[in-house]
C-alpha atoms as a PDB file:
ATOM      1  CA  UNK A   1     -42.758  70.408  18.513  1.00  0.00           C
ATOM      2  CA  UNK A   2     -41.536  71.612  15.141  1.00  0.00           C
ATOM      3  CA  UNK A   3     -38.499  69.301  15.323  1.00  0.00           C
ATOM      4  CA  UNK A   4     -40.771  66.341  16.010  1.00  0.00           C
ATOM      5  CA  UNK A   5     -43.019  67.254  13.091  1.00  0.00           C
ATOM      6  CA  UNK A   6     -40.072  67.600  10.737  1.00  0.00           C
ATOM      7  CA  UNK A   7     -38.671  64.280  11.907  1.00  0.00           C
ATOM      8  CA  UNK A   8     -42.024  62.583  11.296  1.00  0.00           C
ATOM      9  CA  UNK A   9     -42.256  64.084   7.829  1.00  0.00           C
ATOM     10  CA  UNK A  10     -38.746  62.887   7.001  1.00  0.00           C
ATOM     11  CA  UNK A  11     -39.639  59.408   8.212  1.00  0.00           C
ATOM     12  CA  UNK A  12     -42.777  59.283   6.083  1.00  0.00           C
ATOM     13  CA  UNK A  13     -40.867  60.525   3.043  1.00  0.00           C
ATOM     14  CA  UNK A  14     -38.126  57.943   3.583  1.00  0.00           C
ATOM     15  CA  UNK A  15     -40.693  55.167   3.958  1.00  0.00           C
ATOM     16  CA  UNK A  16     -42.491  56.282   0.787  1.00  0.00           C
ATOM     17  CA  UNK A  17     -39.249  56.268  -1.183  1.00  0.00           C
ATOM     18  CA  UNK A  18     -37.941  52.933   0.038  1.00  0.00           C
ATOM     19  CA  UNK A  19     -41.078  50.767   0.301  1.00  0.00           C
ATOM     20  CA  UNK A  20     -43.288  49.750  -2.591  1.00  0.00           C
ATOM     21  CA  UNK A  21     -45.633  46.884  -3.373  1.00  0.00           C
ATOM     22  CA  UNK A  22     -43.541  44.099  -4.937  1.00  0.00           C
ATOM     23  CA  UNK A  23     -43.619  43.992  -8.745  1.00  0.00           C
ATOM     24  CA  UNK A  24     -46.560  41.920  -9.971  1.00  0.00           C
ATOM     25  CA  UNK A  25     -45.782  40.553 -13.425  1.00  0.00           C
ATOM     26  CA  UNK A  26     -49.363  40.356 -14.723  1.00  0.00           C
ATOM     27  CA  UNK A  27     -48.279  41.261 -18.250  1.00  0.00           C
ATOM     28  CA  UNK A  28     -45.679  38.487 -18.281  1.00  0.00           C
ATOM     29  CA  UNK A  29     -48.266  35.974 -17.076  1.00  0.00           C
ATOM     30  CA  UNK A  30     -50.674  37.052 -19.777  1.00  0.00           C
ATOM     31  CA  UNK A  31     -47.942  36.819 -22.409  1.00  0.00           C
ATOM     32  CA  UNK A  32     -47.100  33.295 -21.236  1.00  0.00           C
ATOM     33  CA  UNK A  33     -50.742  32.213 -21.479  1.00  0.00           C
ATOM     34  CA  UNK A  34     -51.139  33.670 -24.982  1.00  0.00           C
ATOM     35  CA  UNK A  35     -47.898  32.027 -26.147  1.00  0.00           C
ATOM     36  CA  UNK A  36     -48.956  28.655 -24.739  1.00  0.00           C
ATOM     37  CA  UNK A  37     -52.371  28.857 -26.408  1.00  0.00           C
ATOM     38  CA  UNK A  38     -50.807  29.878 -29.719  1.00  0.00           C
ATOM     39  CA  UNK A  39     -48.347  26.974 -29.637  1.00  0.00           C
ATOM     40  CA  UNK A  40     -50.760  24.271 -28.401  1.00  0.00           C
ATOM     41  CA  UNK A  41     -54.197  25.300 -29.670  1.00  0.00           C
ATOM     42  CA  UNK A  42     -53.067  26.702 -33.002  1.00  0.00           C
ATOM     43  CA  UNK A  43     -55.054  24.230 -35.181  1.00  0.00           C
ATOM     44  CA  UNK A  44     -58.267  25.227 -33.390  1.00  0.00           C
ATOM     45  CA  UNK A  45     -57.611  28.897 -34.064  1.00  0.00           C
ATOM     46  CA  UNK A  46     -56.879  28.072 -37.722  1.00  0.00           C
ATOM     47  CA  UNK A  47     -60.188  26.214 -37.987  1.00  0.00           C
ATOM     48  CA  UNK A  48     -62.101  29.097 -36.384  1.00  0.00           C
ATOM     49  CA  UNK A  49     -60.374  31.514 -38.740  1.00  0.00           C
ATOM     50  CA  UNK A  50     -61.356  29.517 -41.829  1.00  0.00           C
ATOM     51  CA  UNK A  51     -64.991  29.116 -40.727  1.00  0.00           C
ATOM     52  CA  UNK A  52     -65.441  32.769 -39.747  1.00  0.00           C
ATOM     53  CA  UNK A  53     -63.724  34.181 -42.828  1.00  0.00           C
ATOM     54  CA  UNK A  54     -65.701  31.862 -45.102  1.00  0.00           C
ATOM     55  CA  UNK A  55     -69.052  32.686 -43.490  1.00  0.00           C
ATOM     56  CA  UNK A  56     -68.447  36.432 -43.464  1.00  0.00           C
ATOM     57  CA  UNK A  57     -67.186  36.334 -47.048  1.00  0.00           C
ATOM     58  CA  UNK A  58     -70.318  34.477 -48.166  1.00  0.00           C
ATOM     59  CA  UNK A  59     -72.601  36.911 -46.337  1.00  0.00           C
ATOM     60  CA  UNK A  60     -70.740  39.850 -47.867  1.00  0.00           C
ATOM     61  CA  UNK A  61     -71.195  38.351 -51.344  1.00  0.00           C
ATOM     62  CA  UNK A  62     -74.925  38.004 -50.694  1.00  0.00           C
ATOM     63  CA  UNK A  63     -75.270  41.623 -49.575  1.00  0.00           C
ATOM     64  CA  UNK A  64     -73.258  42.914 -52.533  1.00  0.00           C
ATOM     65  CA  UNK A  65     -74.771  40.592 -55.167  1.00  0.00           C
ATOM     66  CA  UNK A  66     -77.508  43.029 -56.171  1.00  0.00           C
ATOM     67  CA  UNK A  67     -76.796  46.595 -57.248  1.00  0.00           C
ATOM     68  CA  UNK A  68     -77.228  49.257 -54.563  1.00  0.00           C
ATOM     69  CA  UNK A  69     -80.742  50.200 -55.690  1.00  0.00           C
ATOM     70  CA  UNK A  70     -81.828  46.553 -55.356  1.00  0.00           C
ATOM     71  CA  UNK A  71     -80.560  46.311 -51.786  1.00  0.00           C
ATOM     72  CA  UNK A  72     -82.119  49.681 -50.953  1.00  0.00           C
ATOM     73  CA  UNK A  73     -85.498  48.330 -52.092  1.00  0.00           C
ATOM     74  CA  UNK A  74     -85.044  45.229 -49.919  1.00  0.00           C
ATOM     75  CA  UNK A  75     -84.066  47.316 -46.883  1.00  0.00           C
ATOM     76  CA  UNK A  76     -87.041  49.630 -47.468  1.00  0.00           C
ATOM     77  CA  UNK A  77     -89.497  46.727 -47.747  1.00  0.00           C
ATOM     78  CA  UNK A  78     -88.117  45.246 -44.529  1.00  0.00           C
ATOM     79  CA  UNK A  79     -88.522  48.603 -42.779  1.00  0.00           C
ATOM     80  CA  UNK A  80     -92.059  48.940 -44.173  1.00  0.00           C
ATOM     81  CA  UNK A  81     -92.990  45.501 -42.870  1.00  0.00           C
ATOM     82  CA  UNK A  82     -91.525  46.002 -39.398  1.00  0.00           C
ATOM     83  CA  UNK A  83     -91.828  49.738 -38.694  1.00  0.00           C
ATOM     84  CA  UNK A  84     -94.183  51.275 -41.265  1.00  0.00           C
ATOM     85  CA  UNK A  85     -94.049  53.582 -44.267  1.00  0.00           C
ATOM     86  CA  UNK A  86     -92.207  56.410 -42.501  1.00  0.00           C
ATOM     87  CA  UNK A  87     -89.301  54.114 -41.671  1.00  0.00           C
ATOM     88  CA  UNK A  88     -89.293  52.878 -45.268  1.00  0.00           C
ATOM     89  CA  UNK A  89     -89.014  56.443 -46.614  1.00  0.00           C
ATOM     90  CA  UNK A  90     -86.201  57.266 -44.190  1.00  0.00           C
ATOM     91  CA  UNK A  91     -84.456  54.031 -45.195  1.00  0.00           C
ATOM     92  CA  UNK A  92     -84.540  54.932 -48.880  1.00  0.00           C
ATOM     93  CA  UNK A  93     -83.203  58.416 -48.163  1.00  0.00           C
ATOM     94  CA  UNK A  94     -80.502  57.188 -45.782  1.00  0.00           C
ATOM     95  CA  UNK A  95     -79.105  54.395 -47.935  1.00  0.00           C
ATOM     96  CA  UNK A  96     -79.445  56.641 -50.970  1.00  0.00           C
ATOM     97  CA  UNK A  97     -77.114  59.109 -49.250  1.00  0.00           C
ATOM     98  CA  UNK A  98     -74.685  56.259 -48.515  1.00  0.00           C
ATOM     99  CA  UNK A  99     -74.717  55.232 -52.166  1.00  0.00           C
ATOM    100  CA  UNK A 100     -74.242  58.839 -53.243  1.00  0.00           C
ATOM    101  CA  UNK A 101     -71.123  59.062 -51.052  1.00  0.00           C
ATOM    102  CA  UNK A 102     -69.746  55.859 -52.705  1.00  0.00           C
ATOM    103  CA  UNK A 103     -69.736  54.101 -49.329  1.00  0.00           C
ATOM    104  CA  UNK A 104     -72.336  51.432 -50.124  1.00  0.00           C
ATOM    105  CA  UNK A 105     -69.908  48.535 -50.615  1.00  0.00           C
ATOM    106  CA  UNK A 106     -68.020  49.371 -47.410  1.00  0.00           C
ATOM    107  CA  UNK A 107     -71.360  49.633 -45.594  1.00  0.00           C
ATOM    108  CA  UNK A 108     -72.386  46.168 -46.782  1.00  0.00           C
ATOM    109  CA  UNK A 109     -69.034  44.753 -45.634  1.00  0.00           C
ATOM    110  CA  UNK A 110     -69.594  46.268 -42.208  1.00  0.00           C
ATOM    111  CA  UNK A 111     -73.198  45.057 -42.116  1.00  0.00           C
ATOM    112  CA  UNK A 112     -72.123  41.498 -42.942  1.00  0.00           C
ATOM    113  CA  UNK A 113     -69.617  41.481 -40.088  1.00  0.00           C
ATOM    114  CA  UNK A 114     -72.065  43.059 -37.648  1.00  0.00           C
ATOM    115  CA  UNK A 115     -74.821  40.552 -38.479  1.00  0.00           C
ATOM    116  CA  UNK A 116     -72.502  37.558 -38.183  1.00  0.00           C
ATOM    117  CA  UNK A 117     -70.960  38.723 -34.899  1.00  0.00           C
ATOM    118  CA  UNK A 118     -74.362  39.673 -33.459  1.00  0.00           C
ATOM    119  CA  UNK A 119     -75.862  36.279 -34.318  1.00  0.00           C
ATOM    120  CA  UNK A 120     -72.961  34.447 -32.657  1.00  0.00           C
ATOM    121  CA  UNK A 121     -73.183  36.717 -29.597  1.00  0.00           C
ATOM    122  CA  UNK A 122     -76.949  36.209 -29.261  1.00  0.00           C
ATOM    123  CA  UNK A 123     -76.632  32.427 -29.689  1.00  0.00           C
ATOM    124  CA  UNK A 124     -74.137  32.435 -26.804  1.00  0.00           C
ATOM    125  CA  UNK A 125     -75.772  35.118 -24.641  1.00  0.00           C
ATOM    126  CA  UNK A 126     -79.405  33.966 -24.514  1.00  0.00           C
ATOM    127  CA  UNK A 127     -78.777  30.363 -23.335  1.00  0.00           C
ATOM    128  CA  UNK A 128     -76.131  31.599 -20.890  1.00  0.00           C
ATOM    129  CA  UNK A 129     -78.540  34.199 -19.516  1.00  0.00           C
ATOM    130  CA  UNK A 130     -81.288  31.590 -19.144  1.00  0.00           C
ATOM    131  CA  UNK A 131     -78.884  29.241 -17.356  1.00  0.00           C
ATOM    132  CA  UNK A 132     -77.756  32.028 -15.018  1.00  0.00           C
ATOM    133  CA  UNK A 133     -81.370  32.955 -14.242  1.00  0.00           C
ATOM    134  CA  UNK A 134     -82.261  29.383 -13.307  1.00  0.00           C
ATOM    135  CA  UNK A 135     -79.070  28.540 -11.392  1.00  0.00           C
ATOM    136  CA  UNK A 136     -77.717  30.775  -8.625  1.00  0.00           C
ATOM    137  CA  UNK A 137     -74.224  29.240  -8.782  1.00  0.00           C
ATOM    138  CA  UNK A 138     -73.927  29.930 -12.501  1.00  0.00           C
ATOM    139  CA  UNK A 139     -75.162  33.480 -11.911  1.00  0.00           C
ATOM    140  CA  UNK A 140     -72.464  34.090  -9.282  1.00  0.00           C
ATOM    141  CA  UNK A 141     -69.812  32.877 -11.739  1.00  0.00           C
ATOM    142  CA  UNK A 142     -71.144  34.667 -14.807  1.00  0.00           C
ATOM    143  CA  UNK A 143     -71.740  38.058 -13.183  1.00  0.00           C
ATOM    144  CA  UNK A 144     -68.081  38.959 -12.446  1.00  0.00           C
ATOM    145  CA  UNK A 145     -67.024  37.689 -15.872  1.00  0.00           C
ATOM    146  CA  UNK A 146     -69.587  39.955 -17.550  1.00  0.00           C
ATOM    147  CA  UNK A 147     -68.482  42.839 -15.309  1.00  0.00           C
ATOM    148  CA  UNK A 148     -64.896  42.307 -16.446  1.00  0.00           C
ATOM    149  CA  UNK A 149     -65.825  42.151 -20.131  1.00  0.00           C
ATOM    150  CA  UNK A 150     -68.076  45.189 -19.898  1.00  0.00           C
ATOM    151  CA  UNK A 151     -65.507  47.391 -18.166  1.00  0.00           C
ATOM    152  CA  UNK A 152     -62.514  46.330 -20.261  1.00  0.00           C
ATOM    153  CA  UNK A 153     -61.358  49.149 -22.578  1.00  0.00           C
ATOM    154  CA  UNK A 154     -62.317  48.650 -26.201  1.00  0.00           C
ATOM    155  CA  UNK A 155     -58.804  48.626 -27.594  1.00  0.00           C
ATOM    156  CA  UNK A 156     -57.661  45.963 -25.118  1.00  0.00           C
ATOM    157  CA  UNK A 157     -59.888  43.420 -26.887  1.00  0.00           C
ATOM    158  CA  UNK A 158     -57.732  43.761 -29.981  1.00  0.00           C
ATOM    159  CA  UNK A 159     -54.447  42.795 -28.297  1.00  0.00           C
ATOM    160  CA  UNK A 160     -54.940  39.017 -27.785  1.00  0.00           C
ATOM    161  CA  UNK A 161     -56.946  38.416 -30.969  1.00  0.00           C
ATOM    162  CA  UNK A 162     -54.109  39.791 -33.090  1.00  0.00           C
ATOM    163  CA  UNK A 163     -51.774  37.136 -31.663  1.00  0.00           C
ATOM    164  CA  UNK A 164     -54.328  34.372 -32.162  1.00  0.00           C
ATOM    165  CA  UNK A 165     -55.724  35.334 -35.585  1.00  0.00           C
ATOM    166  CA  UNK A 166     -53.231  37.823 -37.077  1.00  0.00           C
ATOM    167  CA  UNK A 167     -54.978  40.775 -38.786  1.00  0.00           C
ATOM    168  CA  UNK A 168     -58.058  41.011 -40.995  1.00  0.00           C
ATOM    169  CA  UNK A 169     -61.714  40.112 -40.624  1.00  0.00           C
ATOM    170  CA  UNK A 170     -61.427  37.279 -38.094  1.00  0.00           C
ATOM    171  CA  UNK A 171     -59.811  39.140 -35.173  1.00  0.00           C
ATOM    172  CA  UNK A 172     -62.373  41.907 -35.596  1.00  0.00           C
ATOM    173  CA  UNK A 173     -65.232  39.397 -35.443  1.00  0.00           C
ATOM    174  CA  UNK A 174     -63.855  37.615 -32.360  1.00  0.00           C
ATOM    175  CA  UNK A 175     -63.279  40.895 -30.525  1.00  0.00           C
ATOM    176  CA  UNK A 176     -66.760  42.075 -31.513  1.00  0.00           C
ATOM    177  CA  UNK A 177     -68.421  38.933 -30.154  1.00  0.00           C
ATOM    178  CA  UNK A 178     -66.606  39.239 -26.824  1.00  0.00           C
ATOM    179  CA  UNK A 179     -67.343  42.969 -26.580  1.00  0.00           C
ATOM    180  CA  UNK A 180     -71.063  42.696 -27.377  1.00  0.00           C
ATOM    181  CA  UNK A 181     -71.802  39.598 -25.269  1.00  0.00           C
ATOM    182  CA  UNK A 182     -72.429  41.082 -21.758  1.00  0.00           C
ATOM    183  CA  UNK A 183     -75.680  43.044 -22.365  1.00  0.00           C
ATOM    184  CA  UNK A 184     -77.289  40.022 -24.007  1.00  0.00           C
ATOM    185  CA  UNK A 185     -76.483  37.818 -21.011  1.00  0.00           C
ATOM    186  CA  UNK A 186     -77.473  40.419 -18.423  1.00  0.00           C
ATOM    187  CA  UNK A 187     -80.802  41.419 -19.950  1.00  0.00           C
ATOM    188  CA  UNK A 188     -81.797  37.810 -20.656  1.00  0.00           C
ATOM    189  CA  UNK A 189     -81.119  36.860 -17.041  1.00  0.00           C
ATOM    190  CA  UNK A 190     -82.931  39.964 -15.828  1.00  0.00           C
ATOM    191  CA  UNK A 191     -85.959  39.259 -18.015  1.00  0.00           C
ATOM    192  CA  UNK A 192     -86.282  35.656 -16.798  1.00  0.00           C
ATOM    193  CA  UNK A 193     -85.896  36.677 -13.154  1.00  0.00           C
ATOM    194  CA  UNK A 194     -88.540  39.408 -13.449  1.00  0.00           C
ATOM    195  CA  UNK A 195     -91.242  36.983 -14.557  1.00  0.00           C
ATOM    196  CA  UNK A 196     -93.987  36.851 -11.938  1.00  0.00           C
ATOM    197  CA  UNK A 197     -93.268  33.822  -9.691  1.00  0.00           C
ATOM    198  CA  UNK A 198     -97.010  33.193  -9.376  1.00  0.00           C
ATOM    199  CA  UNK A 199     -97.168  32.516 -13.114  1.00  0.00           C
ATOM    200  CA  UNK A 200     -94.428  29.920 -12.785  1.00  0.00           C
ATOM    201  CA  UNK A 201     -96.068  28.378  -9.710  1.00  0.00           C
ATOM    202  CA  UNK A 202     -99.368  28.125 -11.559  1.00  0.00           C
ATOM    203  CA  UNK A 203     -97.666  26.197 -14.351  1.00  0.00           C
ATOM    204  CA  UNK A 204     -95.978  23.890 -11.852  1.00  0.00           C
ATOM    205  CA  UNK A 205     -99.314  23.332 -10.063  1.00  0.00           C
ATOM    206  CA  UNK A 206    -100.773  21.971 -13.309  1.00  0.00           C
ATOM    207  CA  UNK A 207     -97.864  19.563 -13.683  1.00  0.00           C
ATOM    208  CA  UNK A 208     -96.165  21.466 -16.506  1.00  0.00           C
ATOM    209  CA  UNK A 209     -92.612  20.382 -17.258  1.00  0.00           C
ATOM    210  CA  UNK A 210     -89.748  22.845 -16.646  1.00  0.00           C
ATOM    211  CA  UNK A 211     -89.104  23.036 -20.403  1.00  0.00           C
ATOM    212  CA  UNK A 212     -92.722  23.968 -21.102  1.00  0.00           C
ATOM    213  CA  UNK A 213     -92.661  26.553 -18.312  1.00  0.00           C
ATOM    214  CA  UNK A 214     -89.556  28.088 -19.839  1.00  0.00           C
ATOM    215  CA  UNK A 215     -90.812  28.157 -23.420  1.00  0.00           C
ATOM    216  CA  UNK A 216     -94.485  28.831 -22.693  1.00  0.00           C
ATOM    217  CA  UNK A 217     -94.344  31.223 -19.734  1.00  0.00           C
ATOM    218  CA  UNK A 218     -90.920  32.663 -18.953  1.00  0.00           C
ATOM    219  CA  UNK A 219     -89.535  33.345 -22.428  1.00  0.00           C
ATOM    220  CA  UNK A 220     -92.701  35.014 -23.798  1.00  0.00           C
ATOM    221  CA  UNK A 221     -92.988  37.256 -20.746  1.00  0.00           C
ATOM    222  CA  UNK A 222     -89.260  38.051 -20.796  1.00  0.00           C
ATOM    223  CA  UNK A 223     -89.231  38.748 -24.539  1.00  0.00           C
ATOM    224  CA  UNK A 224     -89.120  42.591 -24.279  1.00  0.00           C
ATOM    225  CA  UNK A 225     -86.070  42.422 -22.010  1.00  0.00           C
ATOM    226  CA  UNK A 226     -84.388  39.803 -24.197  1.00  0.00           C
ATOM    227  CA  UNK A 227     -84.981  41.839 -27.353  1.00  0.00           C
ATOM    228  CA  UNK A 228     -83.592  44.920 -25.606  1.00  0.00           C
ATOM    229  CA  UNK A 229     -80.474  42.855 -25.007  1.00  0.00           C
ATOM    230  CA  UNK A 230     -80.375  41.847 -28.669  1.00  0.00           C
ATOM    231  CA  UNK A 231     -80.657  45.519 -29.625  1.00  0.00           C
ATOM    232  CA  UNK A 232     -77.718  46.390 -27.394  1.00  0.00           C
ATOM    233  CA  UNK A 233     -75.690  43.499 -28.796  1.00  0.00           C
ATOM    234  CA  UNK A 234     -76.193  44.805 -32.336  1.00  0.00           C
ATOM    235  CA  UNK A 235     -75.303  48.373 -31.380  1.00  0.00           C
ATOM    236  CA  UNK A 236     -72.142  47.320 -29.545  1.00  0.00           C
ATOM    237  CA  UNK A 237     -71.192  45.056 -32.447  1.00  0.00           C
ATOM    238  CA  UNK A 238     -71.431  47.990 -34.842  1.00  0.00           C
ATOM    239  CA  UNK A 239     -69.377  50.257 -32.597  1.00  0.00           C
ATOM    240  CA  UNK A 240     -66.698  47.582 -32.186  1.00  0.00           C
ATOM    241  CA  UNK A 241     -66.566  46.958 -35.932  1.00  0.00           C
ATOM    242  CA  UNK A 242     -65.569  50.575 -36.452  1.00  0.00           C
ATOM    243  CA  UNK A 243     -62.708  50.115 -33.982  1.00  0.00           C
ATOM    244  CA  UNK A 244     -61.817  46.781 -35.620  1.00  0.00           C
ATOM    245  CA  UNK A 245     -60.749  48.739 -38.677  1.00  0.00           C
ATOM    246  CA  UNK A 246     -57.480  49.232 -36.802  1.00  0.00           C
ATOM    247  CA  UNK A 247     -56.678  45.519 -37.195  1.00  0.00           C
ATOM    248  CA  UNK A 248     -57.602  45.358 -40.863  1.00  0.00           C
ATOM    249  CA  UNK A 249     -61.298  44.452 -40.732  1.00  0.00           C
ATOM    250  CA  UNK A 250     -62.731  45.698 -44.045  1.00  0.00           C
ATOM    251  CA  UNK A 251     -65.615  48.124 -44.172  1.00  0.00           C
ATOM    252  CA  UNK A 252     -66.411  51.506 -42.709  1.00  0.00           C
ATOM    253  CA  UNK A 253     -63.979  51.031 -39.832  1.00  0.00           C
ATOM    254  CA  UNK A 254     -61.084  50.850 -42.276  1.00  0.00           C
ATOM    255  CA  UNK A 255     -62.421  53.939 -44.045  1.00  0.00           C
ATOM    256  CA  UNK A 256     -62.561  55.898 -40.781  1.00  0.00           C
ATOM    257  CA  UNK A 257     -59.163  54.712 -39.558  1.00  0.00           C
ATOM    258  CA  UNK A 258     -57.523  55.430 -42.902  1.00  0.00           C
ATOM    259  CA  UNK A 259     -59.017  58.904 -43.036  1.00  0.00           C
ATOM    260  CA  UNK A 260     -57.771  59.655 -39.515  1.00  0.00           C
ATOM    261  CA  UNK A 261     -54.222  58.486 -40.224  1.00  0.00           C
ATOM    262  CA  UNK A 262     -54.072  60.457 -43.489  1.00  0.00           C
ATOM    263  CA  UNK A 263     -55.856  63.520 -42.062  1.00  0.00           C
ATOM    264  CA  UNK A 264     -58.587  63.308 -44.713  1.00  0.00           C
ATOM    265  CA  UNK A 265     -61.406  65.177 -43.015  1.00  0.00           C
ATOM    266  CA  UNK A 266     -63.954  64.793 -45.807  1.00  0.00           C
ATOM    267  CA  UNK A 267     -63.476  61.046 -46.290  1.00  0.00           C
ATOM    268  CA  UNK A 268     -63.655  60.429 -42.554  1.00  0.00           C
ATOM    269  CA  UNK A 269     -66.836  62.491 -42.242  1.00  0.00           C
ATOM    270  CA  UNK A 270     -68.516  60.567 -45.086  1.00  0.00           C
ATOM    271  CA  UNK A 271     -67.613  57.209 -43.532  1.00  0.00           C
ATOM    272  CA  UNK A 272     -68.878  58.457 -40.167  1.00  0.00           C
ATOM    273  CA  UNK A 273     -72.193  59.534 -41.684  1.00  0.00           C
ATOM    274  CA  UNK A 274     -72.548  56.056 -43.226  1.00  0.00           C
ATOM    275  CA  UNK A 275     -71.941  54.491 -39.800  1.00  0.00           C
ATOM    276  CA  UNK A 276     -74.622  56.723 -38.243  1.00  0.00           C
ATOM    277  CA  UNK A 277     -77.200  55.864 -40.920  1.00  0.00           C
ATOM    278  CA  UNK A 278     -76.512  52.129 -40.592  1.00  0.00           C
ATOM    279  CA  UNK A 279     -76.696  52.379 -36.795  1.00  0.00           C
ATOM    280  CA  UNK A 280     -80.070  54.159 -36.923  1.00  0.00           C
ATOM    281  CA  UNK A 281     -81.464  51.561 -39.330  1.00  0.00           C
ATOM    282  CA  UNK A 282     -80.312  48.594 -37.246  1.00  0.00           C
ATOM    283  CA  UNK A 283     -81.437  50.219 -34.004  1.00  0.00           C
ATOM    284  CA  UNK A 284     -84.966  50.975 -35.229  1.00  0.00           C
ATOM    285  CA  UNK A 285     -85.475  47.512 -36.675  1.00  0.00           C
ATOM    286  CA  UNK A 286     -84.027  45.558 -33.753  1.00  0.00           C
ATOM    287  CA  UNK A 287     -85.822  47.727 -31.178  1.00  0.00           C
ATOM    288  CA  UNK A 288     -89.141  47.077 -32.921  1.00  0.00           C
ATOM    289  CA  UNK A 289     -88.926  43.354 -32.186  1.00  0.00           C
ATOM    290  CA  UNK A 290     -89.351  44.090 -28.486  1.00  0.00           C
ATOM    291  CA  UNK A 291     -92.799  45.432 -29.327  1.00  0.00           C
ATOM    292  CA  UNK A 292     -95.550  42.846 -29.540  1.00  0.00           C
ATOM    293  CA  UNK A 293     -97.318  44.859 -32.238  1.00  0.00           C
ATOM    294  CA  UNK A 294     -94.553  43.888 -34.668  1.00  0.00           C
ATOM    295  CA  UNK A 295     -95.313  40.218 -34.178  1.00  0.00           C
ATOM    296  CA  UNK A 296     -99.024  40.995 -34.504  1.00  0.00           C
ATOM    297  CA  UNK A 297     -98.321  42.741 -37.814  1.00  0.00           C
ATOM    298  CA  UNK A 298     -96.298  39.777 -39.035  1.00  0.00           C
ATOM    299  CA  UNK A 299     -99.016  37.392 -37.934  1.00  0.00           C
ATOM    300  CA  UNK A 300    -101.605  39.455 -39.795  1.00  0.00           C
ATOM    301  CA  UNK A 301     -99.518  39.329 -42.977  1.00  0.00           C
ATOM    302  CA  UNK A 302     -99.113  35.574 -42.733  1.00  0.00           C
ATOM    303  CA  UNK A 303    -102.817  35.251 -41.965  1.00  0.00           C
ATOM    304  CA  UNK A 304    -103.731  37.195 -45.115  1.00  0.00           C
ATOM    305  CA  UNK A 305    -101.427  34.999 -47.181  1.00  0.00           C
ATOM    306  CA  UNK A 306    -102.899  31.855 -45.647  1.00  0.00           C
ATOM    307  CA  UNK A 307    -106.472  32.987 -46.277  1.00  0.00           C
ATOM    308  CA  UNK A 308    -105.592  33.921 -49.858  1.00  0.00           C
ATOM    309  CA  UNK A 309    -104.143  30.464 -50.448  1.00  0.00           C
ATOM    310  CA  UNK A 310    -107.204  28.813 -48.898  1.00  0.00           C
ATOM    311  CA  UNK A 311    -109.502  30.891 -51.128  1.00  0.00           C
ATOM    312  CA  UNK A 312    -107.554  29.893 -54.228  1.00  0.00           C
ATOM    313  CA  UNK A 313    -107.812  26.227 -53.283  1.00  0.00           C
ATOM    314  CA  UNK A 314    -111.561  26.553 -52.717  1.00  0.00           C
ATOM    315  CA  UNK A 315    -111.973  28.213 -56.117  1.00  0.00           C
ATOM    316  CA  UNK A 316    -110.064  25.404 -57.806  1.00  0.00           C
ATOM    317  CA  UNK A 317    -112.038  22.651 -56.072  1.00  0.00           C
ATOM    318  CA  UNK A 318    -115.410  23.118 -57.964  1.00  0.00           C
ATOM    319  CA  UNK A 319    -113.583  23.093 -61.290  1.00  0.00           C
ATOM    320  CA  UNK A 320    -111.868  19.855 -60.401  1.00  0.00           C
ATOM    321  CA  UNK A 321    -115.225  18.382 -59.310  1.00  0.00           C
ATOM    322  CA  UNK A 322    -116.889  19.399 -62.629  1.00  0.00           C
ATOM    323  CA  UNK A 323    -113.988  17.958 -64.590  1.00  0.00           C
ATOM    324  CA  UNK A 324    -114.336  14.661 -62.699  1.00  0.00           C
ATOM    325  CA  UNK A 325    -118.101  14.572 -63.368  1.00  0.00           C
ATOM    326  CA  UNK A 326    -117.627  15.164 -67.102  1.00  0.00           C
ATOM    327  CA  UNK A 327    -115.011  12.439 -67.295  1.00  0.00           C
ATOM    328  CA  UNK A 328    -117.265   9.976 -65.487  1.00  0.00           C
ATOM    329  CA  UNK A 329    -120.187  10.816 -67.829  1.00  0.00           C
END
């Protein structure tokens, strides 16, 4: 019995040593695809690079045009309008700390890249999510693609974009858009699908067009879920921008990466604190848009402005009438 067991073990060991799954050259295939795209679609990549670098450069110039105290006032007013006076006070304190650490310019560079990448991701994600929610075939195609993008390690995004766009701002933006896209698509599709079917059927019973049902019923009811997706897109874009410092994207990511490579604990901690403050600010503002009270507050502000303008026009009207009467006399 022992001889049979030993013989079986030797056979298993021999089989394990001599038999393997044949070599699958996935890396070589990927390298071939990247090389072919670089050689044949190069002008398109050059055009994308020029557009992205120009747009991000312009947005960075806008955010750094005013002195830090001017931008802090603007950020505080925006927080006051959307979240209230407590958020405005925290905003002043937070960005004041960033300015005190001499990280304000790097923070504005990061903010410009995050805003640009988030806008592109949302513009792609929301229509794609709506399409997937209204078409089962599209949903079956999109879901595994989003699963793949969402489970792909962060650093892997940087490998192909370096070959396509070299180093600098553009590869960081492209990687950020791809990395932050999945939650926007998923939560948009989820929000549209969770709309009460009876609401949609009621609109169809009254002869409402599909476009009106989408814009008048489904999108308003799915708005909290969609805005949650937008919030996640912005947060993922910020986290990816920090990693994009490894490929030369300017801003806080470069500060963190440089501090790590040079073992500068203090500089890295200051850049990390700036990232945290910016993340809290963007999270609180973007999360507030999923709350209907924010839109009510905005509507109230616009209503006050409209009533003020109407009152001014009514006050000017009697004077114009008197002037006309005097002229006629």
